[in-house]
């Protein structure tokens, strides 16, 4: 798994040559994390460049980059945004005051502050009520690298990035295997060597 001297450093690599723009990662993320309407922690940008007849189209998968030197961390006045030892940039919803400093400082526009609970069909459904996340209303929210899946998988002896149930939903669902997740400190990890996936 990891090299003996180094703790895991979770990361994600996107192969733009593989991405087909299907948006499966976006839907898998929304489903697993129960985000509200208009909130997408994982997005796929559709980019066209060139002039006819020499035109190219490609897709860019975006979201929180869990930056090594995350600009959102030092601007947080309460310490709600912090970097974990495993490299994941996390948010403590109980400490967040919703000031938006982190959202403004993020160069990837990966953070959202939802002011009120909206429902997909204008009024709540049984399913939406069952998965609602009231602790995310009025505070900053973003991609978590599905830490619940990663940590549960590790507890079961699974390898994140290899075993689908221990891997972030977007990566596990990617039909083109364009999203590689794993431990950058492990040379055998799919994130450290995505071409071997």
N, C-alpha and C. Protein backbone atom coordinates (compact mmCIF):
# COMPACT_ATOMS: atom_id res chain seq x y z
N UNK A 1 0.83 -1.18 0.00
CA UNK A 1 0.00 0.00 0.00
C UNK A 1 0.88 1.25 0.00
N UNK A 2 1.08 1.89 1.15
CA UNK A 2 1.88 3.11 1.19
C UNK A 2 3.33 2.76 1.51
N UNK A 3 4.23 3.68 1.19
CA UNK A 3 5.62 3.48 1.59
C UNK A 3 5.68 3.60 3.10
N UNK A 4 6.53 2.81 3.77
CA UNK A 4 6.50 2.73 5.23
C UNK A 4 6.70 4.07 5.94
N UNK A 5 7.51 4.96 5.36
CA UNK A 5 7.84 6.20 6.05
C UNK A 5 6.79 7.29 5.88
N UNK A 6 5.91 7.15 4.90
CA UNK A 6 5.01 8.24 4.57
C UNK A 6 3.55 7.85 4.79
N UNK A 7 2.78 8.75 5.42
CA UNK A 7 1.34 8.49 5.53
C UNK A 7 0.69 8.67 4.16
N UNK A 8 -0.54 8.21 3.99
CA UNK A 8 -1.20 8.41 2.69
C UNK A 8 -1.35 9.89 2.36
N UNK A 9 -1.26 10.22 1.10
CA UNK A 9 -1.53 11.58 0.59
C UNK A 9 -2.50 11.38 -0.54
N UNK A 10 -3.81 11.47 -0.24
CA UNK A 10 -4.84 11.17 -1.22
C UNK A 10 -4.88 12.23 -2.30
N UNK A 11 -5.05 11.79 -3.53
CA UNK A 11 -5.11 12.71 -4.65
C UNK A 11 -5.84 12.11 -5.82
N UNK A 12 -6.12 12.95 -6.79
CA UNK A 12 -6.89 12.55 -7.96
C UNK A 12 -6.20 13.07 -9.21
N UNK A 13 -6.20 12.26 -10.26
CA UNK A 13 -5.62 12.64 -11.54
C UNK A 13 -6.70 12.43 -12.60
N UNK A 14 -6.87 13.43 -13.47
CA UNK A 14 -7.88 13.35 -14.53
C UNK A 14 -7.16 13.24 -15.88
N UNK A 15 -7.47 12.21 -16.64
CA UNK A 15 -6.90 12.05 -17.98
C UNK A 15 -7.88 12.68 -18.98
N UNK A 16 -7.58 13.88 -19.44
CA UNK A 16 -8.48 14.60 -20.35
C UNK A 16 -8.62 13.89 -21.69
N UNK A 17 -7.66 13.07 -22.06
CA UNK A 17 -7.76 12.31 -23.31
C UNK A 17 -8.77 11.18 -23.22
N UNK A 18 -9.09 10.77 -22.01
CA UNK A 18 -10.06 9.68 -21.82
C UNK A 18 -11.48 10.19 -21.60
N UNK A 19 -11.61 11.37 -21.01
CA UNK A 19 -12.93 11.88 -20.65
C UNK A 19 -13.79 12.08 -21.90
N UNK A 20 -15.01 11.53 -21.85
CA UNK A 20 -15.93 11.63 -23.00
C UNK A 20 -17.06 12.62 -22.73
N UNK A 21 -17.01 13.28 -21.59
CA UNK A 21 -18.03 14.30 -21.30
C UNK A 21 -19.39 13.76 -20.94
N UNK A 22 -19.46 12.54 -20.45
CA UNK A 22 -20.76 11.91 -20.20
C UNK A 22 -21.47 12.43 -18.95
N UNK A 23 -20.73 13.08 -18.06
CA UNK A 23 -21.27 13.64 -16.81
C UNK A 23 -21.64 12.57 -15.78
N UNK A 24 -21.20 11.34 -15.97
CA UNK A 24 -21.49 10.29 -14.99
C UNK A 24 -20.86 10.63 -13.64
N UNK A 25 -19.67 11.23 -13.65
CA UNK A 25 -19.02 11.61 -12.39
C UNK A 25 -19.85 12.66 -11.66
N UNK A 26 -20.43 13.59 -12.39
CA UNK A 26 -21.25 14.63 -11.78
C UNK A 26 -22.47 14.02 -11.09
N UNK A 27 -23.13 13.11 -11.77
CA UNK A 27 -24.33 12.48 -11.22
C UNK A 27 -23.98 11.57 -10.05
N UNK A 28 -22.88 10.82 -10.17
CA UNK A 28 -22.46 9.94 -9.06
C UNK A 28 -22.16 10.76 -7.82
N UNK A 29 -21.52 11.90 -8.01
CA UNK A 29 -21.20 12.80 -6.89
C UNK A 29 -22.48 13.35 -6.26
N UNK A 30 -23.40 13.83 -7.09
CA UNK A 30 -24.66 14.38 -6.58
C UNK A 30 -25.43 13.31 -5.81
N UNK A 31 -25.46 12.12 -6.35
CA UNK A 31 -26.21 11.03 -5.71
C UNK A 31 -25.58 10.65 -4.36
N UNK A 32 -24.27 10.44 -4.36
CA UNK A 32 -23.62 10.00 -3.12
C UNK A 32 -23.65 11.08 -2.04
N UNK A 33 -23.47 12.33 -2.44
CA UNK A 33 -23.37 13.41 -1.46
C UNK A 33 -24.67 14.17 -1.23
N UNK A 34 -25.71 13.81 -1.95
CA UNK A 34 -27.04 14.41 -1.77
C UNK A 34 -26.97 15.94 -1.81
N UNK A 35 -26.30 16.48 -2.82
CA UNK A 35 -26.23 17.93 -2.94
C UNK A 35 -27.56 18.49 -3.43
N UNK A 36 -27.83 19.72 -3.07
CA UNK A 36 -29.09 20.37 -3.42
C UNK A 36 -29.08 20.79 -4.90
N UNK A 37 -30.24 21.18 -5.43
CA UNK A 37 -30.28 21.64 -6.82
C UNK A 37 -29.27 22.78 -7.04
N UNK A 38 -28.71 22.83 -8.21
CA UNK A 38 -27.75 23.87 -8.62
C UNK A 38 -26.39 23.75 -7.93
N UNK A 39 -26.17 22.72 -7.13
CA UNK A 39 -24.86 22.52 -6.49
C UNK A 39 -24.21 21.29 -7.08
N UNK A 40 -23.05 21.50 -7.66
CA UNK A 40 -22.28 20.39 -8.24
C UNK A 40 -20.86 20.47 -7.71
N UNK A 41 -20.47 19.48 -6.93
CA UNK A 41 -19.10 19.44 -6.42
C UNK A 41 -18.15 18.96 -7.50
N UNK A 42 -18.64 18.19 -8.45
CA UNK A 42 -17.83 17.70 -9.57
C UNK A 42 -18.54 18.13 -10.84
N UNK A 43 -17.84 18.91 -11.66
CA UNK A 43 -18.43 19.42 -12.91
C UNK A 43 -17.56 19.00 -14.09
N UNK A 44 -18.19 18.95 -15.26
CA UNK A 44 -17.45 18.68 -16.49
C UNK A 44 -17.70 19.84 -17.44
N UNK A 45 -16.64 20.57 -17.75
CA UNK A 45 -16.75 21.69 -18.68
C UNK A 45 -16.57 21.20 -20.10
N UNK A 46 -17.41 21.66 -20.99
CA UNK A 46 -17.37 21.31 -22.41
C UNK A 46 -16.69 22.46 -23.14
N UNK A 47 -15.50 22.20 -23.67
CA UNK A 47 -14.69 23.27 -24.26
C UNK A 47 -14.48 23.00 -25.75
N UNK A 48 -14.72 24.01 -26.56
CA UNK A 48 -14.44 23.92 -27.99
C UNK A 48 -13.44 25.00 -28.34
N UNK A 49 -12.48 24.65 -29.20
CA UNK A 49 -11.51 25.65 -29.63
C UNK A 49 -11.15 25.44 -31.09
N UNK A 50 -10.66 26.48 -31.70
CA UNK A 50 -10.28 26.42 -33.10
C UNK A 50 -11.27 27.14 -33.99
N UNK A 51 -10.99 27.12 -35.27
CA UNK A 51 -11.84 27.73 -36.27
C UNK A 51 -12.17 26.69 -37.33
N UNK A 52 -13.42 26.65 -37.73
CA UNK A 52 -13.86 25.68 -38.73
C UNK A 52 -12.96 25.76 -39.96
N UNK A 53 -12.52 24.64 -40.49
CA UNK A 53 -12.86 23.25 -40.17
C UNK A 53 -11.92 22.60 -39.16
N UNK A 54 -10.97 23.34 -38.63
CA UNK A 54 -10.01 22.79 -37.67
C UNK A 54 -10.49 23.10 -36.25
N UNK A 55 -11.43 22.30 -35.77
CA UNK A 55 -12.06 22.54 -34.48
C UNK A 55 -11.80 21.33 -33.58
N UNK A 56 -11.54 21.60 -32.32
CA UNK A 56 -11.36 20.53 -31.34
C UNK A 56 -12.34 20.72 -30.20
N UNK A 57 -12.76 19.62 -29.63
CA UNK A 57 -13.66 19.64 -28.48
C UNK A 57 -13.06 18.74 -27.41
N UNK A 58 -13.01 19.24 -26.19
CA UNK A 58 -12.52 18.41 -25.09
C UNK A 58 -13.27 18.77 -23.82
N UNK A 59 -13.11 17.94 -22.83
CA UNK A 59 -13.86 18.07 -21.58
C UNK A 59 -12.89 18.20 -20.41
N UNK A 60 -13.21 19.11 -19.50
CA UNK A 60 -12.36 19.33 -18.34
C UNK A 60 -13.18 19.04 -17.08
N UNK A 61 -12.75 18.01 -16.34
CA UNK A 61 -13.41 17.65 -15.09
C UNK A 61 -12.86 18.57 -14.00
N UNK A 62 -13.75 19.27 -13.32
CA UNK A 62 -13.33 20.23 -12.30
C UNK A 62 -13.97 19.95 -10.95
N UNK A 63 -13.38 20.49 -9.94
CA UNK A 63 -13.87 20.35 -8.58
C UNK A 63 -12.77 20.81 -7.64
N UNK A 64 -12.95 20.60 -6.37
CA UNK A 64 -11.91 20.97 -5.41
C UNK A 64 -10.65 20.18 -5.73
N UNK A 65 -9.52 20.88 -5.78
CA UNK A 65 -8.25 20.26 -6.11
C UNK A 65 -7.51 19.75 -4.86
N UNK A 66 -8.06 20.00 -3.68
CA UNK A 66 -7.39 19.61 -2.43
C UNK A 66 -5.92 20.02 -2.51
N UNK A 67 -5.72 21.30 -2.78
CA UNK A 67 -4.40 21.87 -3.07
C UNK A 67 -3.38 21.57 -1.96
N UNK A 68 -2.13 21.40 -2.38
CA UNK A 68 -1.05 21.21 -1.41
C UNK A 68 -0.92 22.45 -0.52
N UNK A 69 -1.05 23.61 -1.12
CA UNK A 69 -1.00 24.87 -0.38
C UNK A 69 -2.33 25.58 -0.64
N UNK A 70 -3.38 25.08 -0.03
CA UNK A 70 -4.75 25.52 -0.33
C UNK A 70 -4.99 26.96 0.09
N UNK A 71 -5.34 27.86 -0.85
CA UNK A 71 -5.58 29.26 -0.51
C UNK A 71 -6.81 29.48 0.37
N UNK A 72 -7.70 28.49 0.43
CA UNK A 72 -8.91 28.63 1.24
C UNK A 72 -8.63 28.45 2.73
N UNK A 73 -7.55 27.77 3.07
CA UNK A 73 -7.27 27.48 4.48
C UNK A 73 -6.87 28.71 5.29
N UNK A 74 -5.86 29.49 4.85
CA UNK A 74 -5.43 30.61 5.71
C UNK A 74 -6.44 31.75 5.81
N UNK A 75 -7.38 31.86 4.87
CA UNK A 75 -8.34 32.97 4.93
C UNK A 75 -9.54 32.68 5.83
N UNK A 76 -9.69 31.43 6.25
CA UNK A 76 -10.84 31.07 7.08
C UNK A 76 -10.66 31.66 8.48
N UNK A 77 -11.56 32.54 8.91
CA UNK A 77 -11.39 33.22 10.20
C UNK A 77 -11.66 32.32 11.41
N UNK A 78 -12.33 31.20 11.22
CA UNK A 78 -12.66 30.35 12.36
C UNK A 78 -11.87 29.05 12.40
N UNK A 79 -11.12 28.76 11.34
CA UNK A 79 -10.40 27.49 11.28
C UNK A 79 -11.29 26.35 10.82
N UNK A 80 -12.48 26.67 10.31
CA UNK A 80 -13.39 25.63 9.85
C UNK A 80 -12.84 24.89 8.64
N UNK A 81 -12.12 25.59 7.78
CA UNK A 81 -11.47 24.95 6.65
C UNK A 81 -10.05 24.61 7.06
N UNK A 82 -9.70 23.36 6.90
CA UNK A 82 -8.38 22.90 7.33
C UNK A 82 -7.89 21.78 6.43
N UNK A 83 -6.60 21.54 6.47
CA UNK A 83 -6.00 20.47 5.68
C UNK A 83 -5.68 19.30 6.60
N UNK A 84 -6.22 18.15 6.26
CA UNK A 84 -5.96 16.95 7.05
C UNK A 84 -4.56 16.42 6.77
N UNK A 85 -4.08 15.55 7.64
CA UNK A 85 -2.76 14.97 7.47
C UNK A 85 -2.65 14.14 6.19
N UNK A 86 -3.78 13.65 5.70
CA UNK A 86 -3.77 12.82 4.49
C UNK A 86 -3.94 13.65 3.21
N UNK A 87 -3.88 14.99 3.33
CA UNK A 87 -3.94 15.86 2.16
C UNK A 87 -5.32 16.35 1.79
N UNK A 88 -6.36 15.83 2.40
CA UNK A 88 -7.72 16.26 2.08
C UNK A 88 -8.01 17.59 2.76
N UNK A 89 -8.50 18.55 1.97
CA UNK A 89 -8.94 19.84 2.53
C UNK A 89 -10.40 19.66 2.95
N UNK A 90 -10.65 19.85 4.23
CA UNK A 90 -11.97 19.56 4.80
C UNK A 90 -12.59 20.81 5.41
N UNK A 91 -13.89 20.70 5.71
CA UNK A 91 -14.64 21.79 6.34
C UNK A 91 -15.36 21.23 7.56
N UNK A 92 -15.22 21.92 8.67
CA UNK A 92 -15.99 21.60 9.87
C UNK A 92 -17.23 22.48 9.83
N UNK A 93 -18.36 21.90 9.47
CA UNK A 93 -19.59 22.68 9.31
C UNK A 93 -20.01 23.38 10.60
N UNK A 94 -19.66 22.80 11.75
CA UNK A 94 -20.04 23.41 13.03
C UNK A 94 -19.27 24.70 13.30
N UNK A 95 -18.06 24.82 12.74
CA UNK A 95 -17.26 26.03 12.96
C UNK A 95 -17.45 27.06 11.85
N UNK A 96 -17.92 26.64 10.69
CA UNK A 96 -18.07 27.56 9.55
C UNK A 96 -19.19 28.57 9.84
N UNK A 97 -18.91 29.85 9.53
CA UNK A 97 -19.91 30.90 9.74
C UNK A 97 -20.49 31.40 8.42
N UNK A 98 -20.09 30.78 7.30
CA UNK A 98 -20.65 31.14 6.01
C UNK A 98 -20.21 32.49 5.48
N UNK A 99 -19.03 32.95 5.88
CA UNK A 99 -18.58 34.29 5.48
C UNK A 99 -18.21 34.36 3.99
N UNK A 100 -17.83 33.23 3.41
CA UNK A 100 -17.52 33.18 1.98
C UNK A 100 -16.09 33.51 1.62
N UNK A 101 -15.22 33.78 2.60
CA UNK A 101 -13.82 34.10 2.27
C UNK A 101 -13.18 32.95 1.50
N UNK A 102 -13.46 31.73 1.91
CA UNK A 102 -12.86 30.56 1.24
C UNK A 102 -13.34 30.46 -0.20
N UNK A 103 -14.62 30.74 -0.43
CA UNK A 103 -15.17 30.66 -1.78
C UNK A 103 -14.53 31.69 -2.70
N UNK A 104 -14.29 32.88 -2.17
CA UNK A 104 -13.66 33.94 -2.96
C UNK A 104 -12.20 33.61 -3.25
N UNK A 105 -11.52 32.96 -2.31
CA UNK A 105 -10.09 32.67 -2.48
C UNK A 105 -9.83 31.46 -3.36
N UNK A 106 -10.84 30.63 -3.61
CA UNK A 106 -10.64 29.41 -4.40
C UNK A 106 -10.55 29.74 -5.88
N UNK A 107 -9.39 29.46 -6.52
CA UNK A 107 -9.26 29.77 -7.95
C UNK A 107 -10.07 28.84 -8.85
N UNK A 108 -10.59 27.76 -8.29
CA UNK A 108 -11.33 26.77 -9.08
C UNK A 108 -12.85 26.90 -8.93
N UNK A 109 -13.29 27.90 -8.15
CA UNK A 109 -14.71 28.10 -7.89
C UNK A 109 -15.37 26.79 -7.43
N UNK A 110 -14.67 26.11 -6.52
CA UNK A 110 -15.11 24.78 -6.09
C UNK A 110 -15.96 24.79 -4.84
N UNK A 111 -16.23 25.97 -4.28
CA UNK A 111 -17.02 26.06 -3.05
C UNK A 111 -18.35 26.74 -3.30
N UNK A 112 -19.33 26.31 -2.54
CA UNK A 112 -20.68 26.85 -2.66
C UNK A 112 -21.21 27.14 -1.27
N UNK A 113 -21.99 28.21 -1.14
CA UNK A 113 -22.71 28.46 0.10
C UNK A 113 -24.19 28.50 -0.25
N UNK A 114 -24.92 27.54 0.25
CA UNK A 114 -26.35 27.43 0.01
C UNK A 114 -27.07 28.08 1.17
N UNK A 115 -27.88 29.09 0.89
CA UNK A 115 -28.54 29.86 1.95
C UNK A 115 -29.83 29.22 2.47
N UNK A 116 -30.49 28.43 1.63
CA UNK A 116 -31.73 27.80 2.09
C UNK A 116 -31.90 26.46 1.39
N UNK A 117 -32.65 25.58 2.01
CA UNK A 117 -32.89 24.26 1.45
C UNK A 117 -33.88 24.36 0.29
N UNK A 118 -33.41 24.02 -0.90
CA UNK A 118 -34.29 23.95 -2.08
C UNK A 118 -34.54 22.49 -2.42
N UNK A 119 -35.64 22.26 -3.11
CA UNK A 119 -36.01 20.89 -3.49
C UNK A 119 -36.05 20.82 -5.00
N UNK A 120 -35.77 19.67 -5.55
CA UNK A 120 -35.68 19.51 -7.00
C UNK A 120 -37.01 19.76 -7.71
N UNK A 121 -38.12 19.45 -7.05
CA UNK A 121 -39.42 19.62 -7.71
C UNK A 121 -40.26 20.70 -7.06
N UNK A 122 -39.58 21.66 -6.38
CA UNK A 122 -40.30 22.76 -5.77
C UNK A 122 -40.79 22.47 -4.37
N UNK A 123 -41.08 21.23 -4.08
CA UNK A 123 -41.47 20.84 -2.73
C UNK A 123 -40.75 19.54 -2.40
N UNK A 124 -40.51 19.32 -1.14
CA UNK A 124 -39.70 18.17 -0.75
C UNK A 124 -40.38 16.85 -1.10
N UNK A 125 -39.53 15.89 -1.45
CA UNK A 125 -39.99 14.52 -1.68
C UNK A 125 -39.51 13.67 -0.51
N UNK A 126 -40.06 12.48 -0.40
CA UNK A 126 -39.66 11.58 0.69
C UNK A 126 -38.16 11.28 0.58
N UNK A 127 -37.68 11.03 -0.63
CA UNK A 127 -36.27 10.71 -0.84
C UNK A 127 -35.38 11.90 -0.44
N UNK A 128 -35.73 13.09 -0.89
CA UNK A 128 -34.91 14.26 -0.56
C UNK A 128 -34.88 14.52 0.95
N UNK A 129 -36.00 14.36 1.61
CA UNK A 129 -36.04 14.56 3.06
C UNK A 129 -35.14 13.54 3.75
N UNK A 130 -35.14 12.30 3.24
CA UNK A 130 -34.36 11.23 3.86
C UNK A 130 -32.86 11.48 3.77
N UNK A 131 -32.41 12.16 2.71
CA UNK A 131 -30.97 12.37 2.52
C UNK A 131 -30.55 13.83 2.72
N UNK A 132 -31.46 14.67 3.17
CA UNK A 132 -31.15 16.10 3.36
C UNK A 132 -29.98 16.27 4.33
N UNK A 133 -29.18 17.29 4.06
CA UNK A 133 -28.00 17.58 4.88
C UNK A 133 -28.16 19.00 5.47
N UNK A 134 -28.97 19.17 6.50
CA UNK A 134 -29.20 20.51 7.05
C UNK A 134 -27.93 21.17 7.59
N UNK A 135 -26.92 20.36 7.95
CA UNK A 135 -25.68 20.96 8.46
C UNK A 135 -24.90 21.68 7.38
N UNK A 136 -25.27 21.49 6.11
CA UNK A 136 -24.59 22.18 5.01
C UNK A 136 -25.29 23.46 4.57
N UNK A 137 -26.39 23.83 5.18
CA UNK A 137 -27.11 25.04 4.80
C UNK A 137 -26.50 26.24 5.54
N UNK A 138 -26.17 27.28 4.77
CA UNK A 138 -25.62 28.50 5.34
C UNK A 138 -24.13 28.46 5.60
N UNK A 139 -23.48 27.37 5.20
CA UNK A 139 -22.03 27.23 5.38
C UNK A 139 -21.39 26.84 4.05
N UNK A 140 -20.07 26.90 3.99
CA UNK A 140 -19.35 26.51 2.78
C UNK A 140 -19.40 24.99 2.63
N UNK A 141 -19.52 24.56 1.40
CA UNK A 141 -19.47 23.13 1.11
C UNK A 141 -18.71 22.89 -0.17
N UNK A 142 -18.15 21.69 -0.31
CA UNK A 142 -17.35 21.35 -1.48
C UNK A 142 -17.07 19.85 -1.49
N UNK A 143 -16.35 19.42 -2.51
CA UNK A 143 -15.92 18.03 -2.62
C UNK A 143 -15.13 17.62 -1.38
N UNK A 144 -15.41 16.42 -0.89
CA UNK A 144 -14.71 15.89 0.28
C UNK A 144 -13.81 14.72 -0.07
N UNK A 145 -13.68 14.41 -1.36
CA UNK A 145 -13.02 13.18 -1.82
C UNK A 145 -13.74 11.97 -1.23
N UNK A 146 -15.03 12.12 -0.93
CA UNK A 146 -15.84 11.04 -0.37
C UNK A 146 -15.11 10.36 0.78
N UNK A 147 -14.69 11.16 1.76
CA UNK A 147 -13.93 10.61 2.89
C UNK A 147 -14.67 9.50 3.60
N UNK A 148 -16.00 9.53 3.58
CA UNK A 148 -16.75 8.45 4.21
C UNK A 148 -16.46 7.12 3.52
N UNK A 149 -16.41 7.13 2.20
CA UNK A 149 -16.12 5.91 1.43
C UNK A 149 -14.67 5.47 1.65
N UNK A 150 -13.74 6.43 1.60
CA UNK A 150 -12.32 6.12 1.76
C UNK A 150 -12.06 5.52 3.14
N UNK A 151 -12.57 6.17 4.18
CA UNK A 151 -12.32 5.71 5.54
C UNK A 151 -13.00 4.38 5.84
N UNK A 152 -14.23 4.20 5.35
CA UNK A 152 -14.91 2.92 5.54
C UNK A 152 -14.18 1.80 4.81
N UNK A 153 -13.67 2.11 3.62
CA UNK A 153 -12.92 1.12 2.86
C UNK A 153 -11.64 0.72 3.55
N UNK A 154 -10.90 1.71 4.06
CA UNK A 154 -9.66 1.42 4.78
C UNK A 154 -9.94 0.55 6.00
N UNK A 155 -11.04 0.82 6.71
CA UNK A 155 -11.41 0.04 7.90
C UNK A 155 -11.70 -1.41 7.54
N UNK A 156 -12.10 -1.65 6.28
CA UNK A 156 -12.39 -3.01 5.82
C UNK A 156 -11.19 -3.66 5.13
N UNK A 157 -10.06 -2.94 5.11
CA UNK A 157 -8.86 -3.48 4.48
C UNK A 157 -8.84 -3.30 2.97
N UNK A 158 -9.69 -2.42 2.45
CA UNK A 158 -9.75 -2.18 1.01
C UNK A 158 -8.75 -1.09 0.61
N UNK A 159 -8.47 -0.99 -0.67
CA UNK A 159 -7.52 -0.01 -1.18
C UNK A 159 -8.25 1.08 -1.95
N UNK A 160 -8.29 2.31 -1.44
CA UNK A 160 -8.92 3.41 -2.18
C UNK A 160 -8.23 3.61 -3.54
N UNK A 161 -9.04 3.78 -4.55
CA UNK A 161 -8.52 3.93 -5.91
C UNK A 161 -8.48 2.62 -6.67
N UNK A 162 -8.53 1.51 -5.93
CA UNK A 162 -8.53 0.18 -6.55
C UNK A 162 -9.88 -0.48 -6.32
N UNK A 163 -10.31 -0.51 -5.06
CA UNK A 163 -11.61 -1.10 -4.73
C UNK A 163 -12.69 -0.03 -4.85
N UNK A 164 -13.69 -0.25 -5.72
CA UNK A 164 -14.70 0.79 -5.99
C UNK A 164 -15.42 1.33 -4.76
N UNK A 165 -15.74 0.49 -3.79
CA UNK A 165 -16.49 0.98 -2.63
C UNK A 165 -15.63 1.82 -1.68
N UNK A 166 -14.31 1.80 -1.87
CA UNK A 166 -13.40 2.61 -1.05
C UNK A 166 -12.88 3.82 -1.82
N UNK A 167 -13.45 4.06 -2.99
CA UNK A 167 -12.99 5.10 -3.90
C UNK A 167 -14.07 6.18 -4.02
N UNK A 168 -13.69 7.46 -4.16
CA UNK A 168 -14.70 8.50 -4.35
C UNK A 168 -15.68 8.13 -5.47
N UNK A 169 -16.92 8.52 -5.28
CA UNK A 169 -18.00 8.12 -6.19
C UNK A 169 -17.71 8.50 -7.64
N UNK A 170 -17.15 9.69 -7.86
CA UNK A 170 -16.89 10.13 -9.24
C UNK A 170 -15.90 9.22 -9.94
N UNK A 171 -14.84 8.83 -9.25
CA UNK A 171 -13.82 7.98 -9.83
C UNK A 171 -14.34 6.56 -10.04
N UNK A 172 -15.06 6.05 -9.05
CA UNK A 172 -15.60 4.69 -9.15
C UNK A 172 -16.61 4.56 -10.29
N UNK A 173 -17.33 5.65 -10.59
CA UNK A 173 -18.39 5.60 -11.60
C UNK A 173 -17.91 5.94 -13.01
N UNK A 174 -16.72 6.49 -13.15
CA UNK A 174 -16.26 6.97 -14.46
C UNK A 174 -16.21 5.85 -15.49
N UNK A 175 -17.03 5.96 -16.54
CA UNK A 175 -17.12 4.89 -17.53
C UNK A 175 -15.88 4.80 -18.41
N UNK A 176 -15.11 5.87 -18.50
CA UNK A 176 -13.91 5.88 -19.35
C UNK A 176 -12.62 5.70 -18.54
N UNK A 177 -12.76 5.51 -17.24
CA UNK A 177 -11.61 5.41 -16.34
C UNK A 177 -10.67 6.61 -16.51
N UNK A 178 -11.28 7.79 -16.63
CA UNK A 178 -10.51 9.01 -16.79
C UNK A 178 -10.11 9.61 -15.45
N UNK A 179 -10.79 9.22 -14.36
CA UNK A 179 -10.52 9.77 -13.04
C UNK A 179 -9.83 8.72 -12.19
N UNK A 180 -8.56 8.95 -11.90
CA UNK A 180 -7.79 8.03 -11.05
C UNK A 180 -7.63 8.63 -9.67
N UNK A 181 -7.89 7.83 -8.66
CA UNK A 181 -7.76 8.27 -7.26
C UNK A 181 -6.81 7.33 -6.54
N UNK A 182 -6.09 7.87 -5.59
CA UNK A 182 -5.24 7.00 -4.79
C UNK A 182 -4.26 7.79 -3.95
N UNK A 183 -3.26 7.08 -3.47
CA UNK A 183 -2.24 7.62 -2.58
C UNK A 183 -1.02 8.02 -3.39
N UNK A 184 -0.75 9.32 -3.44
CA UNK A 184 0.41 9.80 -4.20
C UNK A 184 1.72 9.33 -3.60
N UNK A 185 1.71 8.92 -2.34
CA UNK A 185 2.93 8.42 -1.71
C UNK A 185 3.16 6.93 -1.99
N UNK A 186 2.24 6.30 -2.68
CA UNK A 186 2.38 4.89 -3.05
C UNK A 186 2.63 4.80 -4.55
N UNK A 187 3.83 4.43 -4.99
CA UNK A 187 4.13 4.38 -6.43
C UNK A 187 3.21 3.46 -7.23
N UNK A 188 2.60 2.47 -6.56
CA UNK A 188 1.71 1.54 -7.26
C UNK A 188 0.27 2.04 -7.34
N UNK A 189 -0.01 3.16 -6.70
CA UNK A 189 -1.37 3.69 -6.66
C UNK A 189 -1.81 4.17 -8.04
N UNK A 190 -3.11 4.03 -8.35
CA UNK A 190 -3.62 4.54 -9.63
C UNK A 190 -3.40 6.05 -9.82
N UNK A 191 -3.39 6.81 -8.71
CA UNK A 191 -3.17 8.27 -8.84
C UNK A 191 -1.69 8.57 -9.11
N UNK A 192 -0.80 7.74 -8.55
CA UNK A 192 0.63 7.98 -8.75
C UNK A 192 1.07 7.51 -10.13
N UNK A 193 0.37 6.52 -10.66
CA UNK A 193 0.72 6.00 -11.99
C UNK A 193 -0.56 5.69 -12.76
N UNK A 194 -1.31 6.74 -13.16
CA UNK A 194 -2.63 6.55 -13.76
C UNK A 194 -2.63 5.73 -15.05
N UNK A 195 -1.51 5.67 -15.75
CA UNK A 195 -1.51 4.93 -17.02
C UNK A 195 -1.58 3.43 -16.81
N UNK A 196 -1.32 2.96 -15.59
CA UNK A 196 -1.38 1.52 -15.32
C UNK A 196 -2.77 1.06 -14.94
N UNK A 197 -3.69 1.98 -14.85
CA UNK A 197 -5.05 1.63 -14.41
C UNK A 197 -5.74 0.72 -15.38
